[in-house]
Amino acid sequence: MTDPYRVLGIPQNASDEDIKKAYRNLSRKYHPDANINNPNKDQAEARFKEVQQAYQQIMQERENQDSDTYGGFGNFRGFNAQYQYTGTNGGETEEDLHMKAASNF
């Protein structure tokens, strides 16, 4: 696939709102229902599919960048999901902490 930003006609540093606007405009323009009587409807449909793929690719890339920036769901800002409680927190046991957490729920 060619550059998805080029397909949508936007710069790579475009905001999410600008990306959505470009996507919506091009989707309306090339949508098969809008080109029923168009003699070039096959080309319009191909372009419509290309616009769809470009938008999906950009959004996936941005979603992956966001999760990488924040460490993903299981590793949010450096908190490792494999963290083990060592019992050295003021003499509290792991069970004490679970009870406190349950009472706060």
Protein backbone atom coordinates (compact mmCIF):
# COMPACT_ATOMS: atom_id res chain seq x y z
CA MET A 1 0.00 0.00 0.00
CA THR A 2 1.13 3.52 -0.66
CA ASP A 3 1.60 6.04 2.13
CA PRO A 4 -1.73 6.16 4.01
CA TYR A 5 -1.28 9.86 4.81
CA ARG A 6 -0.86 10.58 1.11
CA VAL A 7 -4.03 8.58 0.33
CA LEU A 8 -5.99 10.79 2.73
CA GLY A 9 -4.18 13.93 1.56
CA ILE A 10 -2.93 14.95 5.00
CA PRO A 11 0.49 15.50 6.60
CA GLN A 12 1.91 12.88 8.97
CA ASN A 13 1.62 15.27 11.88
CA ALA A 14 -2.11 15.82 11.30
CA SER A 15 -4.34 15.77 14.35
CA ASP A 16 -6.80 12.96 14.93
CA GLU A 17 -9.61 15.38 14.10
CA ASP A 18 -8.00 16.31 10.76
CA ILE A 19 -7.55 12.64 9.93
CA LYS A 20 -11.22 11.93 10.64
CA LYS A 21 -12.34 14.92 8.55
CA ALA A 22 -10.26 13.82 5.56
CA TYR A 23 -11.49 10.26 5.93
CA ARG A 24 -15.14 11.29 6.10
CA ASN A 25 -14.89 13.62 3.12
CA LEU A 26 -13.18 11.04 0.93
CA SER A 27 -15.50 8.27 2.08
CA ARG A 28 -18.53 10.31 1.09
CA LYS A 29 -16.97 11.24 -2.23
CA TYR A 30 -16.02 7.70 -3.25
CA HIS A 31 -18.76 5.70 -1.50
CA PRO A 32 -20.38 3.20 -3.91
CA ASP A 33 -23.87 4.52 -3.11
CA ALA A 34 -22.77 8.02 -4.15
CA ASN A 35 -21.42 6.74 -7.47
CA ILE A 36 -24.25 4.54 -8.73
CA ASN A 37 -24.67 6.45 -11.98
CA ASN A 38 -20.98 7.26 -12.35
CA PRO A 39 -19.44 5.57 -15.41
CA ASN A 40 -16.21 5.23 -13.37
CA LYS A 41 -17.93 3.62 -10.39
CA ASP A 42 -15.42 0.73 -10.34
CA GLN A 43 -12.53 3.16 -9.89
CA ALA A 44 -14.50 5.05 -7.24
CA GLU A 45 -15.13 1.82 -5.34
CA ALA A 46 -11.44 0.91 -5.52
CA ARG A 47 -10.54 4.36 -4.22
CA PHE A 48 -13.14 4.00 -1.46
CA LYS A 49 -11.49 0.74 -0.32
CA GLU A 50 -8.07 2.38 -0.44
CA VAL A 51 -9.33 5.25 1.76
CA GLN A 52 -10.79 2.72 4.23
CA GLN A 53 -7.50 0.82 4.45
CA ALA A 54 -5.45 4.00 4.85
CA TYR A 55 -7.62 5.24 7.70
CA GLN A 56 -7.48 1.88 9.48
CA GLN A 57 -3.71 1.72 9.10
CA ILE A 58 -3.21 5.22 10.50
CA MET A 59 -5.50 4.60 13.44
CA GLN A 60 -3.81 1.27 14.25
CA GLU A 61 -0.38 2.90 14.11
CA ARG A 62 -1.49 5.70 16.42
CA GLU A 63 -3.13 3.25 18.81
CA ASN A 64 0.07 1.22 18.94
CA GLN A 65 2.12 4.37 19.53
CA ASP A 66 -0.14 5.35 22.42
CA SER A 67 0.10 1.93 24.06
CA ASP A 68 3.88 1.92 23.58
CA THR A 69 4.13 5.37 25.15
CA TYR A 70 2.22 4.34 28.24
CA GLY A 71 3.54 0.81 28.41
CA GLY A 72 0.35 -0.90 27.35
CA PHE A 73 -2.49 -2.06 29.53
CA GLY A 74 -0.57 -4.75 31.38
CA ASN A 75 2.47 -2.59 31.96
CA PHE A 76 1.00 0.85 32.61
CA ARG A 77 3.73 3.44 33.14
CA GLY A 78 6.30 0.95 34.20
CA PHE A 79 4.13 -1.10 36.59
CA ASN A 80 4.92 -4.65 35.71
CA ALA A 81 1.96 -7.04 35.95
CA GLN A 82 4.34 -9.68 37.29
CA TYR A 83 5.05 -7.60 40.42
CA GLN A 84 5.28 -9.79 43.49
CA TYR A 85 4.48 -8.48 46.97
CA THR A 86 7.43 -9.08 49.30
CA GLY A 87 5.68 -8.43 52.60
CA THR A 88 8.04 -5.64 53.59
CA ASN A 89 5.42 -2.87 53.60
CA GLY A 90 5.21 -1.96 57.30
CA GLY A 91 4.76 -5.55 58.41
CA GLU A 92 1.55 -6.03 56.41
CA THR A 93 1.07 -9.36 54.78
CA GLU A 94 -0.28 -9.85 51.30
CA GLU A 95 -3.56 -11.00 52.83
CA ASP A 96 -3.78 -7.75 54.85
CA LEU A 97 -3.40 -5.74 51.67
CA HIS A 98 -6.06 -7.80 49.92
CA MET A 99 -8.46 -7.20 52.82
CA LYS A 100 -7.78 -3.44 52.72
CA ALA A 101 -8.34 -3.40 48.97
CA ALA A 102 -11.58 -5.36 49.31
CA SER A 103 -12.86 -3.00 52.01
CA ASN A 104 -12.13 -0.01 49.79
CA PHE A 105 -13.99 -1.57 46.88
